Amino acid sequence: MLSGFSLCPGLFYDTPAQDGILSRIRIPGGILDSKQCRAIADIAENYGGGYVDVTNRANLQIRELRSGINPQVLQHLQNIGIGSRNFAIDHVRNIMTSPTAGIDPQELMDTRPLVQGWDNYIAAHPELSGLSAKFSVCFDGGGQVSVCDRLNDIIFAAVLIKGRVYFRLHLSVGVKGKPPIDMGIVLSPEQCLPVCGSLAQVYLKYTDPQTRRKLRLRELLNHLGCETYLQEVQQHLPFKLTPHPQLKETSYLKLSPLPLEKTANSNYFHIGIHPQRQSDLFYIGVVLPLGRLEGQQIRILADLAQKFGSGTLRLTPWQNLLITDIPQPCLSDIKNEITALKLDFSPSNINSALVACSGNKGCAASATDTKADALALAKYLQTHVSLNHPVNIHFSGCEKSCAQHSNSDITLLGVTQESENGALAAYHIYVGDSVRGVAIGDSNHKFGRQLYQYVTFDKLPRLLGQMLQLYKIQCQNPDESFREFVNRYEIVQLQSFFSSVI
């Protein structure tokens, strides 16, 4: 393995963690074939803790590595398409697209060729290793399973104009953690990769490759201004960055956040059994508790994909996975096989939207054992609450929010409280949106509105159980999300509902 300035883990970079060496495997577009799955399972068992974690960028992490992976093994991984062909840029963030690219009946364009094209570009331009390792690109094909709400530096979002598919360009600018901004530029599919390359090259021009902490694209745009930046990008292109004529008089030319139309469970449409755009074929979205898979589970899922489907598994940014291209007569058999693995495919499963960082067992910055607490909470809720929709519950051991960068319905932030008996692990609880018209006394935070401070875990299961029961009983309609529900109330009203628990 190599060492260097990168603060982000990669396959070829030693990255120490609380529980050993951490290795991250980039999976462009999140698609793995059966042979790759088996190789990853071997590494997890031979070198690490025997499991892998799916991340919020559809990467894989192998934790508890006792030593660096053998160079011959790394070469084998490259030979079968795991990790970048060019190790110099292997730490750059994974390329994101919808996990249903190419199979979503509603998508406007299959974005997999764009993902592959951009990955090829990165591999051919090792100078891009000088960019921030957090440089991130997303291609959204306009389907039902959208990834437009995932935070990325650059998003190409498909739109239909007069019967033709174009991509709207969005860039991350302004306040950290906010959605990318629509630049008012419409591109043909053929123009996306040249524009992306030019965006990266201009970004590189302003990046000092010798510094440990690299300039983020958002920071550069805030300093230069979008107009100046895009003028420089234009100089690298043989075509003009202009809006489509149909959009000249529309509000889309005003800089605005990426418009998102979300329902209560839109991020989890992929869970369960769904028809593909290909006739008589289906995909099944499998719930992975906290995104974790044991080595043997990986092998068996790879076998199922080969036996019943096209031999591939697709990882999702919501830390679940898909098995695709399943003929209808095989659905019953594959459901039984998945159940035998002690996995589920129900959107109402509390684990479908439960997220946790590595916690204090894997990260020194974490105040709490988030993984263990999340699993204990899930066990309690599964026997006390029956949900109609997924509710996104996010355990974060510190303010960095590594496991999920976007807002959740409920965030549990790990903190330490001093007591007579020493430091006590606890959680601050946040609900709903962080920006809204709030009454005096409401406490806003990037995680949402603060509901409670310093709640020890022994009180959490019952409290959250009551919160979810109240939502289920009092939601205004079947499509009202938990976030919409809590946003209807002031914090003091919500606290009054649960005074008997806290």
Protein backbone atom coordinates (compact mmCIF):
# COMPACT_ATOMS: atom_id res chain seq x y z
CA MET A 1 0.00 0.00 0.00
CA LEU A 2 0.94 3.62 -0.43
CA SER A 3 0.93 6.54 1.90
CA GLY A 4 0.32 10.18 1.02
CA PHE A 5 -1.56 13.36 1.74
CA SER A 6 -5.03 11.87 1.27
CA LEU A 7 -7.20 12.04 4.36
CA CYS A 8 -9.78 9.75 2.73
CA PRO A 9 -9.34 5.98 2.68
CA GLY A 10 -8.68 4.13 -0.55
CA LEU A 11 -7.75 0.65 -1.67
CA PHE A 12 -4.08 1.54 -2.13
CA TYR A 13 -3.69 3.84 0.89
CA ASP A 14 -3.10 2.83 4.50
CA THR A 15 -5.74 4.60 6.57
CA PRO A 16 -5.59 3.91 10.33
CA ALA A 17 -8.82 3.73 12.28
CA GLN A 18 -9.75 2.94 15.86
CA ASP A 19 -10.37 -0.72 14.98
CA GLY A 20 -7.40 -1.27 12.65
CA ILE A 21 -6.62 -0.32 9.06
CA LEU A 22 -9.55 0.87 6.95
CA SER A 23 -9.77 0.17 3.22
CA ARG A 24 -12.34 1.72 0.91
CA ILE A 25 -13.11 0.25 -2.50
CA ARG A 26 -14.48 2.58 -5.18
CA ILE A 27 -17.35 1.00 -7.11
CA PRO A 28 -18.24 3.46 -9.93
CA GLY A 29 -22.02 3.41 -10.27
CA GLY A 30 -22.17 0.83 -7.46
CA ILE A 31 -22.24 -2.23 -9.79
CA LEU A 32 -20.29 -5.41 -8.94
CA ASP A 33 -20.21 -8.74 -10.75
CA SER A 34 -20.19 -12.09 -8.98
CA LYS A 35 -16.45 -12.65 -9.40
CA GLN A 36 -15.70 -9.27 -7.83
CA CYS A 37 -18.05 -9.99 -4.93
CA ARG A 38 -16.28 -13.22 -4.12
CA ALA A 39 -12.87 -11.55 -4.24
CA ILE A 40 -14.06 -8.85 -1.84
CA ALA A 41 -15.46 -11.49 0.54
CA ASP A 42 -12.06 -13.24 0.51
CA ILE A 43 -10.26 -10.01 1.44
CA ALA A 44 -12.71 -9.22 4.23
CA GLU A 45 -12.22 -12.68 5.74
CA ASN A 46 -8.47 -13.07 5.13
CA TYR A 47 -7.37 -9.57 6.09
CA GLY A 48 -10.20 -7.82 7.96
CA GLY A 49 -13.13 -8.37 10.29
CA GLY A 50 -14.96 -10.75 7.96
CA TYR A 51 -17.53 -8.19 6.80
CA VAL A 52 -17.93 -5.20 4.50
CA ASP A 53 -19.89 -1.97 4.94
CA VAL A 54 -21.76 -0.27 2.10
CA THR A 55 -21.27 3.50 2.33
CA ASN A 56 -23.43 6.49 1.44
CA ARG A 57 -21.64 6.77 -1.92
CA ALA A 58 -22.19 3.10 -2.83
CA ASN A 59 -18.57 2.30 -1.97
CA LEU A 60 -17.45 -0.65 0.10
CA GLN A 61 -15.38 -0.40 3.25
CA ILE A 62 -13.38 -3.24 4.73
CA ARG A 63 -12.60 -2.60 8.39
CA GLU A 64 -10.40 -4.16 11.07
CA LEU A 65 -7.58 -4.88 8.62
CA ARG A 66 -4.65 -6.28 10.57
CA SER A 67 -2.08 -5.44 7.89
CA GLY A 68 -1.85 -3.98 4.43
CA ILE A 69 -3.33 -6.05 1.61
CA ASN A 70 -0.71 -8.07 -0.27
CA PRO A 71 0.44 -6.27 -3.48
CA GLN A 72 -0.29 -9.38 -5.58
CA VAL A 73 -3.84 -9.37 -4.23
CA LEU A 74 -4.19 -5.69 -5.09
CA GLN A 75 -2.97 -6.43 -8.61
CA HIS A 76 -5.57 -9.20 -8.90
CA LEU A 77 -8.28 -6.80 -7.81
CA GLN A 78 -7.24 -4.34 -10.49
CA ASN A 79 -7.23 -7.13 -13.07
CA ILE A 80 -10.86 -7.99 -12.29
CA GLY A 81 -11.97 -4.35 -12.29
CA ILE A 82 -11.98 -3.52 -8.57
CA GLY A 83 -10.37 -0.25 -7.65
CA SER A 84 -9.03 2.23 -10.14
CA ARG A 85 -6.65 1.14 -12.89
CA ASN A 86 -4.57 4.13 -11.79
CA PHE A 87 -3.82 3.97 -8.07
CA ALA A 88 -2.89 7.67 -8.00
CA ILE A 89 -6.53 8.72 -8.22
CA ASP A 90 -8.07 5.81 -6.31
CA HIS A 91 -8.85 8.05 -3.33
CA VAL A 92 -11.09 10.40 -5.37
CA ARG A 93 -14.72 9.99 -4.36
CA ASN A 94 -16.87 7.40 -6.05
CA ILE A 95 -18.94 8.38 -9.11
CA MET A 96 -22.61 8.33 -8.20
CA THR A 97 -25.65 7.40 -10.25
CA SER A 98 -29.00 5.81 -9.57
CA PRO A 99 -28.73 2.14 -8.61
CA THR A 100 -31.54 1.49 -11.10
CA ALA A 101 -29.73 3.06 -14.08
CA GLY A 102 -30.69 1.18 -17.23
CA ILE A 103 -33.57 -0.70 -15.61
CA ASP A 104 -35.80 2.08 -14.22
CA PRO A 105 -39.00 2.23 -16.34
CA GLN A 106 -39.28 5.98 -15.77
CA GLU A 107 -35.70 7.07 -16.41
CA LEU A 108 -34.96 9.39 -19.32
CA MET A 109 -31.48 8.03 -20.03
CA ASP A 110 -29.26 5.19 -18.90
CA THR A 111 -26.36 6.96 -17.19
CA ARG A 112 -24.05 3.95 -16.88
CA PRO A 113 -22.04 4.89 -20.01
CA LEU A 114 -21.48 8.37 -18.55
CA VAL A 115 -20.24 6.86 -15.29
CA GLN A 116 -17.84 4.58 -17.16
CA GLY A 117 -16.71 7.42 -19.38
CA TRP A 118 -15.94 9.69 -16.45
CA ASP A 119 -14.11 6.89 -14.61
CA ASN A 120 -11.99 6.33 -17.74
CA TYR A 121 -11.23 10.06 -17.87
CA ILE A 122 -10.08 10.12 -14.25
CA ALA A 123 -7.84 7.08 -14.78
CA ALA A 124 -6.29 8.74 -17.85
CA HIS A 125 -5.57 12.00 -15.99
CA PRO A 126 -3.54 11.18 -12.86
CA GLU A 127 -2.96 14.91 -12.30
CA LEU A 128 -6.51 14.98 -10.90
CA SER A 129 -5.09 13.28 -7.81
CA GLY A 130 -4.16 16.82 -6.81
CA LEU A 131 -7.83 17.67 -6.31
CA SER A 132 -9.63 17.24 -3.02
CA ALA A 133 -10.34 13.57 -2.40
CA LYS A 134 -13.90 14.70 -1.76
CA PHE A 135 -14.36 15.86 -5.38
CA SER A 136 -17.63 14.21 -6.36
CA VAL A 137 -19.61 13.83 -9.59
CA CYS A 138 -23.14 12.49 -10.04
CA PHE A 139 -25.17 11.58 -13.14
CA ASP A 140 -28.94 11.32 -12.58
CA GLY A 141 -31.02 9.79 -15.35
CA GLY A 142 -34.34 11.28 -14.27
CA GLY A 143 -35.87 8.02 -13.08
CA GLN A 144 -38.03 7.19 -10.10
CA VAL A 145 -35.02 6.25 -7.95
CA SER A 146 -33.28 9.61 -7.98
CA VAL A 147 -29.89 10.48 -6.50
CA CYS A 148 -30.29 14.23 -6.99
CA ASP A 149 -30.66 14.78 -3.24
CA ARG A 150 -27.24 13.25 -2.53
CA LEU A 151 -24.63 15.94 -1.90
CA ASN A 152 -22.12 16.17 -4.76
CA ASP A 153 -19.83 18.86 -6.19
CA ILE A 154 -21.23 18.39 -9.70
CA ILE A 155 -24.58 16.94 -10.74
CA PHE A 156 -25.77 16.31 -14.29
CA ALA A 157 -29.55 15.86 -14.00
CA ALA A 158 -31.53 14.55 -16.98
CA VAL A 159 -34.53 16.53 -18.25
CA LEU A 160 -36.83 16.11 -21.26
CA ILE A 161 -37.16 19.10 -23.61
CA LYS A 162 -39.29 18.83 -26.76
CA GLY A 163 -38.90 15.08 -26.81
CA ARG A 164 -35.10 15.11 -26.40
CA VAL A 165 -33.05 14.30 -23.32
CA TYR A 166 -30.67 16.91 -21.98
CA PHE A 167 -28.76 17.32 -18.72
CA ARG A 168 -28.97 20.36 -16.45
CA LEU A 169 -25.70 21.32 -14.80
CA HIS A 170 -25.69 21.87 -11.04
CA LEU A 171 -22.69 22.93 -8.96
CA SER A 172 -22.09 22.98 -5.21
CA VAL A 173 -21.87 26.61 -4.12
CA GLY A 174 -22.85 28.62 -1.06
CA VAL A 175 -23.34 27.17 2.40
CA LYS A 176 -21.81 23.79 3.22
CA GLY A 177 -24.31 20.95 3.19
CA LYS A 178 -26.84 22.66 0.92
CA PRO A 179 -28.02 21.12 -2.38
CA PRO A 180 -26.11 22.00 -5.57
CA ILE A 181 -27.29 25.02 -7.52
CA ASP A 182 -28.79 24.98 -11.03
CA MET A 183 -26.40 26.89 -13.31
CA GLY A 184 -29.05 27.44 -15.99
CA ILE A 185 -26.96 25.43 -18.50
CA VAL A 186 -28.47 22.62 -20.56
CA LEU A 187 -26.17 20.04 -22.14
CA SER A 188 -26.64 17.24 -24.62
CA PRO A 189 -25.53 13.81 -23.32
CA GLU A 190 -22.47 14.04 -25.59
CA GLN A 191 -21.42 17.32 -23.98
CA CYS A 192 -21.50 16.11 -20.37
CA LEU A 193 -18.08 14.45 -20.21
CA PRO A 194 -16.18 17.27 -21.97
CA VAL A 195 -17.83 19.77 -19.60
CA CYS A 196 -17.02 17.63 -16.58
CA GLY A 197 -13.39 17.36 -17.70
CA SER A 198 -13.15 21.13 -18.16
CA LEU A 199 -14.76 21.76 -14.77
CA ALA A 200 -12.14 19.50 -13.18
CA GLN A 201 -9.21 21.04 -15.04
CA VAL A 202 -10.15 24.60 -14.05
CA TYR A 203 -10.65 23.41 -10.47
CA LEU A 204 -7.18 21.83 -10.60
CA LYS A 205 -5.67 25.14 -11.74
CA TYR A 206 -6.60 26.69 -8.38
CA THR A 207 -5.54 23.70 -6.26
CA ASP A 208 -2.14 23.46 -4.59
CA PRO A 209 -1.15 19.77 -4.90
CA GLN A 210 1.39 20.16 -2.06
CA THR A 211 -1.14 21.10 0.63
CA ARG A 212 -2.59 18.45 2.87
CA ARG A 213 -6.00 20.07 3.13
CA LYS A 214 -7.19 20.57 -0.45
CA LEU A 215 -9.53 23.36 -1.55
CA ARG A 216 -13.09 22.13 -2.01
CA LEU A 217 -14.90 23.04 -5.24
CA ARG A 218 -17.62 24.81 -3.25
CA GLU A 219 -14.98 26.98 -1.60
CA LEU A 220 -13.46 27.86 -4.97
CA LEU A 221 -16.86 28.79 -6.41
CA ASN A 222 -17.65 30.92 -3.38
CA HIS A 223 -14.36 32.76 -3.87
CA LEU A 224 -14.31 33.13 -7.68
CA GLY A 225 -18.02 33.32 -8.34
CA CYS A 226 -19.86 30.91 -10.63
CA GLU A 227 -19.79 33.27 -13.61
CA THR A 228 -16.00 33.70 -13.55
CA TYR A 229 -15.47 29.98 -13.04
CA LEU A 230 -17.74 29.01 -15.93
CA GLN A 231 -16.08 31.60 -18.17
CA GLU A 232 -12.78 29.82 -17.61
CA VAL A 233 -14.42 26.45 -18.23
CA GLN A 234 -15.79 27.82 -21.51
CA GLN A 235 -12.26 28.46 -22.76
CA HIS A 236 -11.57 24.71 -22.72
CA LEU A 237 -14.65 23.78 -24.76
CA PRO A 238 -15.38 23.78 -28.53
CA PHE A 239 -19.07 24.60 -27.91
CA LYS A 240 -20.91 27.30 -26.00
CA LEU A 241 -22.32 26.82 -22.52
CA THR A 242 -25.74 28.26 -23.28
CA PRO A 243 -29.27 27.47 -22.11
CA HIS A 244 -31.70 25.66 -24.38
CA PRO A 245 -33.85 28.17 -26.31
CA GLN A 246 -37.03 26.82 -24.73
CA LEU A 247 -35.71 27.79 -21.30
CA LYS A 248 -34.68 31.38 -22.04
CA GLU A 249 -37.77 32.84 -20.43
CA THR A 250 -38.03 30.41 -17.54
CA SER A 251 -37.03 30.80 -13.93
CA TYR A 252 -34.52 27.96 -14.34
CA LEU A 253 -31.96 30.51 -15.48
CA LYS A 254 -31.97 31.97 -11.98
CA LEU A 255 -29.52 30.27 -9.69
CA SER A 256 -31.61 28.02 -7.50
CA PRO A 257 -31.25 24.78 -5.55
CA LEU A 258 -31.89 21.55 -7.39
CA PRO A 259 -35.68 21.05 -7.32
CA LEU A 260 -36.64 17.88 -5.52
CA GLU A 261 -40.06 16.29 -5.54
CA LYS A 262 -40.10 13.84 -2.66
CA THR A 263 -42.76 11.71 -1.05
CA ALA A 264 -42.58 9.92 2.28
CA ASN A 265 -40.50 7.02 1.00
CA SER A 266 -39.10 8.23 -2.32
CA ASN A 267 -35.50 7.53 -1.28
CA TYR A 268 -36.50 3.94 -0.64
CA PHE A 269 -38.48 3.13 -3.80
CA HIS A 270 -35.72 0.65 -4.58
CA ILE A 271 -36.55 -1.60 -1.60
CA GLY A 272 -38.79 -4.56 -2.42
CA ILE A 273 -39.73 -6.13 -5.76
CA HIS A 274 -40.13 -3.89 -8.81
CA PRO A 275 -40.65 -4.38 -12.55
CA GLN A 276 -37.80 -3.31 -14.81
CA ARG A 277 -38.07 -1.49 -18.11
CA GLN A 278 -37.05 -4.82 -19.70
CA SER A 279 -40.12 -6.95 -20.33
CA ASP A 280 -40.84 -9.69 -17.76
CA LEU A 281 -37.79 -8.89 -15.64
CA PHE A 282 -37.74 -7.62 -12.07
CA TYR A 283 -35.25 -6.34 -9.52
CA ILE A 284 -35.36 -6.84 -5.78
CA GLY A 285 -34.04 -4.29 -3.29
CA VAL A 286 -32.53 -5.94 -0.23
CA VAL A 287 -32.31 -4.22 3.18
CA LEU A 288 -28.85 -4.40 4.74
CA PRO A 289 -28.92 -3.63 8.49
CA LEU A 290 -26.63 -0.59 8.85
CA GLY A 291 -25.21 -1.38 5.42
CA ARG A 292 -23.24 -4.37 6.70
CA LEU A 293 -22.72 -7.72 4.94
CA GLU A 294 -20.87 -10.74 6.29
CA GLY A 295 -18.44 -12.46 3.92
CA GLN A 296 -20.64 -15.53 3.51
CA GLN A 297 -23.69 -13.37 2.80
CA ILE A 298 -21.78 -11.66 0.00
CA ARG A 299 -20.90 -14.99 -1.60
CA ILE A 300 -24.43 -16.33 -1.40
CA LEU A 301 -25.94 -13.12 -2.79
CA ALA A 302 -23.43 -13.30 -5.65
CA ASP A 303 -24.53 -16.90 -6.27
CA LEU A 304 -28.19 -15.83 -6.26
CA ALA A 305 -27.47 -13.04 -8.73
CA GLN A 306 -25.74 -15.53 -11.00
CA LYS A 307 -28.44 -18.17 -10.65
CA PHE A 308 -31.54 -16.00 -10.97
CA GLY A 309 -30.34 -12.76 -12.57
CA SER A 310 -27.53 -11.25 -14.63
CA GLY A 311 -24.78 -12.03 -12.15
CA THR A 312 -24.46 -8.52 -10.72
CA LEU A 313 -25.19 -6.79 -7.43
CA ARG A 314 -25.88 -3.05 -7.28
CA LEU A 315 -24.98 -1.06 -4.18
CA THR A 316 -27.08 1.98 -3.30
CA PRO A 317 -26.22 5.33 -1.66
CA TRP A 318 -28.80 4.36 0.98
CA GLN A 319 -26.55 1.44 2.00
CA ASN A 320 -28.75 -1.32 0.62
CA LEU A 321 -28.35 -3.43 -2.54
CA LEU A 322 -30.24 -4.66 -5.60
CA ILE A 323 -30.31 -7.97 -7.45
CA THR A 324 -31.47 -7.29 -11.01
CA ASP A 325 -32.80 -9.00 -14.14
CA ILE A 326 -34.84 -11.66 -12.34
CA PRO A 327 -37.49 -13.47 -14.43
CA GLN A 328 -40.91 -13.45 -12.78
CA PRO A 329 -41.06 -17.26 -12.24
CA CYS A 330 -37.89 -17.01 -10.13
CA LEU A 331 -39.14 -14.35 -7.70
CA SER A 332 -40.57 -16.75 -5.16
CA ASP A 333 -37.36 -18.79 -4.99
CA ILE A 334 -35.06 -15.81 -4.62
CA LYS A 335 -37.26 -14.30 -1.90
CA ASN A 336 -36.97 -17.54 0.07
CA GLU A 337 -33.20 -17.58 -0.39
CA ILE A 338 -32.85 -13.98 0.81
CA THR A 339 -34.99 -14.71 3.86
CA ALA A 340 -32.78 -17.73 4.64
CA LEU A 341 -29.83 -15.31 4.75
CA LYS A 342 -31.67 -13.43 7.53
CA LEU A 343 -32.08 -10.44 5.23
CA ASP A 344 -35.28 -8.64 4.30
CA PHE A 345 -36.75 -6.73 1.34
CA SER A 346 -39.60 -4.82 3.00
CA PRO A 347 -39.61 -0.98 2.84
CA SER A 348 -41.33 -0.89 6.22
CA ASN A 349 -38.40 -2.67 7.87
CA ILE A 350 -36.88 -0.15 10.31
CA ASN A 351 -33.43 -1.09 9.01
CA SER A 352 -34.27 0.11 5.48
CA ALA A 353 -33.60 3.72 6.50
CA LEU A 354 -31.47 3.30 9.64
CA VAL A 355 -27.96 4.76 9.31
CA ALA A 356 -25.02 4.80 11.70
CA CYS A 357 -21.36 5.80 11.48
CA SER A 358 -18.65 3.43 12.70
CA GLY A 359 -19.00 4.74 16.28
CA ASN A 360 -16.36 4.76 19.00
CA LYS A 361 -15.37 1.16 18.24
CA GLY A 362 -14.03 2.31 14.86
CA CYS A 363 -13.44 6.05 15.22
CA ALA A 364 -11.76 8.01 18.00
CA ALA A 365 -13.87 11.09 17.24
CA SER A 366 -17.14 9.34 18.10
CA ALA A 367 -18.65 9.90 21.55
CA THR A 368 -20.94 6.85 21.42
CA ASP A 369 -21.10 3.27 20.17
CA THR A 370 -23.45 4.19 17.35
CA LYS A 371 -23.49 0.79 15.60
CA ALA A 372 -24.42 -1.16 18.71
CA ASP A 373 -26.96 1.44 19.80
CA ALA A 374 -28.59 1.50 16.34
CA LEU A 375 -28.91 -2.28 16.24
CA ALA A 376 -30.41 -2.32 19.75
CA LEU A 377 -32.88 0.41 18.77
CA ALA A 378 -33.88 -1.50 15.63
CA LYS A 379 -34.48 -4.66 17.65
CA TYR A 380 -36.79 -2.76 20.00
CA LEU A 381 -38.71 -0.90 17.29
CA GLN A 382 -39.28 -4.04 15.22
CA THR A 383 -41.35 -5.48 18.07
CA HIS A 384 -43.10 -2.25 19.11
CA VAL A 385 -43.85 -0.25 15.94
CA SER A 386 -45.19 -1.23 12.52
CA LEU A 387 -44.34 1.50 10.00
CA ASN A 388 -46.15 2.25 6.76
CA HIS A 389 -43.18 4.17 5.36
CA PRO A 390 -39.44 4.18 6.02
CA VAL A 391 -38.28 6.75 8.57
CA ASN A 392 -34.67 7.82 8.20
CA ILE A 393 -32.97 7.61 11.62
CA HIS A 394 -29.34 8.69 11.62
CA PHE A 395 -26.87 7.90 14.43
CA SER A 396 -23.84 10.20 14.22
CA GLY A 397 -21.05 9.85 16.75
CA CYS A 398 -19.86 13.43 16.22
CA GLU A 399 -20.67 16.62 14.30
CA LYS A 400 -18.86 15.47 11.15
CA SER A 401 -21.83 13.33 10.07
CA CYS A 402 -19.72 10.88 8.06
CA ALA A 403 -22.43 8.26 7.55
CA GLN A 404 -25.02 10.62 6.04
CA HIS A 405 -24.43 14.15 4.79
CA SER A 406 -28.04 14.95 3.90
CA ASN A 407 -30.76 15.73 6.43
CA SER A 408 -32.55 12.83 8.07
CA ASP A 409 -35.97 12.56 9.71
CA ILE A 410 -34.43 11.94 13.13
CA THR A 411 -30.77 12.53 13.99
CA LEU A 412 -29.18 11.21 17.16
CA LEU A 413 -25.90 13.05 17.74
CA GLY A 414 -23.50 11.35 20.11
CA VAL A 415 -22.19 13.57 22.91
CA THR A 416 -20.42 13.20 26.26
CA GLN A 417 -22.02 14.52 29.43
CA GLU A 418 -20.02 15.04 32.58
CA SER A 419 -21.53 13.49 35.69
CA GLU A 420 -20.54 12.63 39.24
CA ASN A 421 -19.46 9.21 37.99
CA GLY A 422 -17.39 10.60 35.10
CA ALA A 423 -18.10 11.07 31.40
CA LEU A 424 -21.48 9.69 30.33
CA ALA A 425 -22.34 8.82 26.71
CA ALA A 426 -25.62 10.36 25.55
CA TYR A 427 -27.39 11.79 22.51
CA HIS A 428 -28.81 15.10 21.37
CA ILE A 429 -32.02 14.48 19.38
CA TYR A 430 -32.90 16.50 16.27
CA VAL A 431 -36.04 16.22 14.16
CA GLY A 432 -37.41 17.77 10.97
CA ASP A 433 -35.84 20.52 8.91
CA SER A 434 -33.11 22.86 10.09
CA VAL A 435 -34.51 25.80 8.11
CA ARG A 436 -38.16 26.73 8.47
CA GLY A 437 -40.37 29.37 10.03
CA VAL A 438 -39.88 28.50 13.67
CA ALA A 439 -41.28 29.97 16.82
CA ILE A 440 -39.10 31.66 19.42
CA GLY A 441 -37.46 29.00 21.50
CA ASP A 442 -36.99 26.49 18.69
CA SER A 443 -33.33 25.51 18.38
CA ASN A 444 -32.04 25.18 14.81
CA HIS A 445 -29.05 23.06 13.85
CA LYS A 446 -27.67 21.57 10.65
CA PHE A 447 -29.22 18.25 11.74
CA GLY A 448 -32.68 19.77 12.25
CA ARG A 449 -34.51 21.25 15.22
CA GLN A 450 -33.23 20.15 18.57
CA LEU A 451 -35.85 18.21 20.48
CA TYR A 452 -33.81 17.03 23.49
CA GLN A 453 -30.28 17.22 24.88
CA TYR A 454 -28.26 14.56 26.69
CA VAL A 455 -30.62 11.62 26.40
CA THR A 456 -28.94 8.41 27.51
CA PHE A 457 -29.50 5.36 25.36
CA ASP A 458 -31.62 3.53 27.93
CA LYS A 459 -34.39 6.09 27.25
CA LEU A 460 -34.07 6.21 23.47
CA PRO A 461 -35.98 3.08 22.35
CA ARG A 462 -39.16 3.92 24.25
CA LEU A 463 -38.97 7.60 23.27
CA LEU A 464 -38.50 6.90 19.56
CA GLY A 465 -41.15 4.20 19.70
CA GLN A 466 -43.66 6.76 20.97
CA MET A 467 -42.58 9.31 18.38
CA LEU A 468 -43.12 6.85 15.52
CA GLN A 469 -46.45 5.64 16.94
CA LEU A 470 -47.69 9.22 17.17
CA TYR A 471 -46.64 9.86 13.58
CA LYS A 472 -48.44 6.75 12.38
CA ILE A 473 -51.66 7.69 14.18
CA GLN A 474 -51.73 11.44 13.51
CA CYS A 475 -50.22 11.85 10.02
CA GLN A 476 -52.55 13.85 7.80
CA ASN A 477 -52.45 11.46 4.85
CA PRO A 478 -50.68 8.24 3.81
CA ASP A 479 -48.01 10.17 1.92
CA GLU A 480 -47.04 12.56 4.71
CA SER A 481 -43.44 11.95 5.68
CA PHE A 482 -42.22 11.95 9.26
CA ARG A 483 -40.33 15.16 8.55
CA GLU A 484 -43.47 16.88 7.28
CA PHE A 485 -45.34 15.59 10.31
CA VAL A 486 -42.94 16.99 12.93
CA ASN A 487 -42.60 20.26 11.02
CA ARG A 488 -46.29 20.91 11.71
CA TYR A 489 -45.53 21.23 15.42
CA GLU A 490 -43.44 23.58 17.50
CA ILE A 491 -40.72 21.97 19.60
CA VAL A 492 -42.55 22.65 22.87
CA GLN A 493 -45.60 20.84 21.50
CA LEU A 494 -43.52 17.80 20.53
CA GLN A 495 -41.88 17.78 23.93
CA SER A 496 -45.26 17.80 25.63
CA PHE A 497 -46.23 14.62 23.77
CA PHE A 498 -43.30 12.72 25.30
CA SER A 499 -43.00 14.28 28.76
CA SER A 500 -43.78 10.95 30.41
CA VAL A 501 -40.77 9.31 28.75
CA ILE A 502 -38.09 11.97 29.33
